[in-house]
Structures are given as C-alpha cells and as structure tokens.
C-alpha cells in the first residue's frame, strides 16, 4: 500500500477564514471580477508564496512569474503586517519571511539576468512549472490566466494544460 503526500493547504487554510474573506471581499469590490475568479486569484497568489517559501534556493530572486493582479494581492497581504509575518513564518513550509522587491519588467530585462540571454530567462520561467505541479497537481483553467509563462505556452505555443503540466525540469536544473 502506498501513501500519497498530504494535500497542500488551501488559500483559506493559509490565511485563516477572516483574512481570506477580507482579501477576497476587497478584490471583488475593487475589480470587476466575480467572486469565484477572485478566489482563484487569491489561491494562485498563495501558491506562488508557498513555492517561494518551500524552494528559496531554486526560486529566490527570480522574476515574479504571475500576473500583476496576483502581485497586487501580495501587496495587500504585506500591508496586513502581523498576519503576513505569521503566514510566512508559521503557515508556509519554509518558515521564513518572504520579502518583496518591486521591479519593472523592463528593468529586470536590463539587469544582470538579461546578460545571461533569452535561454536563461526561459529556463527561469519554466523552473516554476514542475515545482507547481509537484505541489498542486496539474494546471487547470482557473490557474491559467494568472501564470504568465503558462498562459504564453497555452495561447502562443498552442500547448494543452496537460502537456504544460507534464514539462520536466531542464537539463542542469535542480528542480
């Protein structure tokens, strides 16, 4: 008999009911999105933070691979300083504070990583996929709009979600 890994925590598990409701309510009121869409945004934000917490050695310092709406949810959480610290240090798997540094994509492209070329940028973006699927299972249609590289592979490269979810780490990657 094999035992499967414990399911990863939900966004509500990580935030607690009150903060989860506050975040979802805030962004439902602030945007024109329906509540279920906002709940998926919050879920993907928490999944991003979960992965950064769990894999700081592999993901630390990489450009944020999610859409701006997810970054705005992260900013909102950071402003809830006590709850954000508790989330990072007690509820996420790494047990350490996750710092945020805003940087424009054009500034990122002009920085040191740009010197490494397009191949390195693509490898960094693709590094997220196997880690995501290992923790949360395959990408679904609710995650698709929020992960820039996944949306690009799906819409521009014509890859299906199952094909994207099956991508393995690249040669030499530690994912």
Protein backbone atom coordinates (compact mmCIF):
# COMPACT_ATOMS: atom_id res chain seq x y z
CA UNK A 1 0.00 0.00 0.00
CA UNK A 2 1.39 3.37 -1.00
CA UNK A 3 0.69 6.56 0.84
CA UNK A 4 0.21 9.74 -1.09
CA UNK A 5 1.62 13.04 0.01
CA UNK A 6 -0.64 15.17 2.15
CA UNK A 7 -2.59 17.67 0.07
CA UNK A 8 -1.13 21.15 0.08
CA UNK A 9 -3.04 23.66 2.18
CA UNK A 10 -5.76 25.79 0.62
CA UNK A 11 -5.64 29.57 0.50
CA UNK A 12 -8.16 29.67 3.33
CA UNK A 13 -6.02 27.25 5.37
CA UNK A 14 -3.00 29.50 4.93
CA UNK A 15 -4.72 32.82 5.55
CA UNK A 16 -7.38 31.80 8.04
CA UNK A 17 -11.07 32.35 7.36
CA UNK A 18 -11.22 36.02 8.38
CA UNK A 19 -8.23 37.25 6.34
CA UNK A 20 -9.22 35.09 3.37
CA UNK A 21 -12.68 36.67 3.38
CA UNK A 22 -11.17 40.15 3.77
CA UNK A 23 -8.84 39.69 0.80
CA UNK A 24 -11.48 38.13 -1.46
CA UNK A 25 -14.04 40.76 -0.46
CA UNK A 26 -11.60 43.61 -1.05
CA UNK A 27 -10.59 42.48 -4.53
CA UNK A 28 -14.12 41.53 -5.54
CA UNK A 29 -15.24 45.06 -4.64
CA UNK A 30 -12.15 46.72 -6.17
CA UNK A 31 -12.28 44.91 -9.52
CA UNK A 32 -15.00 43.97 -11.94
CA UNK A 33 -14.24 40.28 -11.42
CA UNK A 34 -16.76 37.84 -10.00
CA UNK A 35 -16.05 36.33 -6.59
CA UNK A 36 -15.03 32.84 -7.92
CA UNK A 37 -12.42 34.45 -10.19
CA UNK A 38 -11.01 36.48 -7.28
CA UNK A 39 -10.92 33.35 -5.12
CA UNK A 40 -8.75 31.72 -7.80
CA UNK A 41 -6.51 34.79 -7.90
CA UNK A 42 -6.01 34.56 -4.14
CA UNK A 43 -5.37 30.81 -4.46
CA UNK A 44 -2.68 31.37 -7.09
CA UNK A 45 -1.06 34.15 -5.05
CA UNK A 46 -0.83 31.81 -2.07
CA UNK A 47 0.51 29.04 -4.30
CA UNK A 48 3.21 31.39 -5.53
CA UNK A 49 4.17 32.28 -1.96
CA UNK A 50 4.05 28.60 -0.97
CA UNK A 51 6.52 27.71 -3.72
CA UNK A 52 8.88 30.59 -2.92
CA UNK A 53 8.79 29.58 0.73
CA UNK A 54 9.37 25.90 0.01
CA UNK A 55 12.10 26.41 -2.63
CA UNK A 56 14.03 29.59 -1.80
CA UNK A 57 17.23 28.07 -3.18
CA UNK A 58 15.65 27.45 -6.60
CA UNK A 59 13.19 30.34 -6.86
CA UNK A 60 14.65 33.14 -4.78
CA UNK A 61 15.48 36.22 -6.83
CA UNK A 62 13.63 35.10 -9.94
CA UNK A 63 11.21 37.46 -11.63
CA UNK A 64 7.61 37.11 -10.48
CA UNK A 65 6.00 34.69 -12.99
CA UNK A 66 2.41 35.70 -12.21
CA UNK A 67 0.20 38.48 -13.48
CA UNK A 68 0.01 41.97 -11.97
CA UNK A 69 -3.32 41.20 -10.24
CA UNK A 70 -1.58 38.49 -8.21
CA UNK A 71 1.19 40.90 -7.25
CA UNK A 72 -1.46 43.37 -6.04
CA UNK A 73 -2.94 40.68 -3.79
CA UNK A 74 0.55 40.04 -2.41
CA UNK A 75 0.94 43.78 -1.72
CA UNK A 76 -2.39 43.76 0.13
CA UNK A 77 -1.25 40.83 2.26
CA UNK A 78 2.05 42.53 3.08
CA UNK A 79 0.12 45.52 4.44
CA UNK A 80 -1.55 43.21 6.95
CA UNK A 81 1.83 43.07 8.68
CA UNK A 82 1.04 40.83 11.64
CA UNK A 83 -0.92 38.32 9.58
CA UNK A 84 1.63 38.37 6.74
CA UNK A 85 4.51 37.64 9.13
CA UNK A 86 2.51 34.78 10.67
CA UNK A 87 1.71 33.43 7.20
CA UNK A 88 5.36 33.44 6.19
CA UNK A 89 6.91 32.21 9.41
CA UNK A 90 4.25 29.80 10.71
CA UNK A 91 1.98 28.64 7.89
CA UNK A 92 4.17 28.44 4.80
CA UNK A 93 6.55 25.48 4.58
CA UNK A 94 9.84 27.41 4.63
CA UNK A 95 9.17 29.17 7.92
CA UNK A 96 10.88 32.39 6.82
CA UNK A 97 9.72 35.89 5.94
CA UNK A 98 9.26 36.40 2.19
CA UNK A 99 10.44 39.84 1.19
CA UNK A 100 9.02 41.69 -1.79
CA UNK A 101 11.01 43.95 -4.06
CA UNK A 102 9.14 45.75 -6.82
CA UNK A 103 10.95 45.93 -10.12
CA UNK A 104 9.56 46.71 -13.53
CA UNK A 105 9.89 44.00 -16.17
CA UNK A 106 11.94 46.35 -18.40
CA UNK A 107 14.32 46.98 -15.50
CA UNK A 108 14.58 43.23 -14.93
CA UNK A 109 15.39 42.69 -18.61
CA UNK A 110 18.10 45.35 -18.45
CA UNK A 111 19.69 43.84 -15.34
CA UNK A 112 22.22 41.07 -14.86
CA UNK A 113 19.83 38.34 -15.98
CA UNK A 114 19.48 39.97 -19.40
CA UNK A 115 23.19 39.43 -19.90
CA UNK A 116 22.64 35.70 -19.50
CA UNK A 117 20.37 35.78 -22.53
CA UNK A 118 16.97 34.57 -23.55
CA UNK A 119 17.77 30.93 -22.82
CA UNK A 120 18.40 31.64 -19.15
CA UNK A 121 15.26 33.77 -18.93
CA UNK A 122 13.20 30.95 -20.43
CA UNK A 123 14.78 28.37 -18.08
CA UNK A 124 13.97 30.57 -15.08
CA UNK A 125 10.37 30.99 -16.19
CA UNK A 126 9.96 27.27 -16.85
CA UNK A 127 11.52 26.37 -13.49
CA UNK A 128 8.19 27.09 -11.81
CA UNK A 129 6.14 24.55 -13.74
CA UNK A 130 7.48 21.24 -12.34
CA UNK A 131 7.56 22.67 -8.81
CA UNK A 132 3.97 23.86 -9.14
CA UNK A 133 2.67 20.56 -10.47
CA UNK A 134 4.57 18.57 -7.83
CA UNK A 135 2.92 20.63 -5.08
CA UNK A 136 -0.55 21.29 -6.50
CA UNK A 137 -1.13 18.91 -9.38
CA UNK A 138 -1.67 19.88 -13.00
CA UNK A 139 -2.52 23.41 -14.04
CA UNK A 140 -6.22 23.92 -14.59
CA UNK A 141 -8.26 26.51 -16.44
CA UNK A 142 -8.58 28.53 -13.21
CA UNK A 143 -4.79 28.83 -12.80
CA UNK A 144 -4.13 29.56 -16.48
CA UNK A 145 -4.92 33.31 -16.52
CA UNK A 146 -2.65 34.04 -13.58
CA UNK A 147 0.70 32.42 -14.53
CA UNK A 148 2.37 34.37 -17.34
CA UNK A 149 4.53 31.54 -18.70
CA UNK A 150 1.69 29.02 -18.61
CA UNK A 151 -0.63 31.38 -20.43
CA UNK A 152 2.09 32.07 -23.03
CA UNK A 153 2.73 28.37 -23.62
CA UNK A 154 -1.00 27.71 -23.92
CA UNK A 155 -2.05 30.68 -26.06
CA UNK A 156 1.07 31.42 -28.10
CA UNK A 157 2.66 27.99 -28.38
CA UNK A 158 -0.59 26.02 -28.59
CA UNK A 159 0.26 23.65 -25.74
CA UNK A 160 -2.53 22.00 -23.78
CA UNK A 161 -2.65 22.26 -20.00
CA UNK A 162 -1.80 18.56 -19.62
CA UNK A 163 1.23 19.00 -21.88
CA UNK A 164 2.38 22.07 -19.93
CA UNK A 165 1.84 20.30 -16.61
CA UNK A 166 4.00 17.39 -17.81
CA UNK A 167 7.03 19.58 -18.50
CA UNK A 168 10.06 18.30 -16.66
CA UNK A 169 12.95 20.33 -15.29
CA UNK A 170 15.52 21.27 -17.89
CA UNK A 171 18.95 19.65 -18.02
CA UNK A 172 21.15 21.01 -15.27
CA UNK A 173 18.19 22.41 -13.37
CA UNK A 174 17.81 21.49 -9.72
CA UNK A 175 14.04 21.46 -9.83
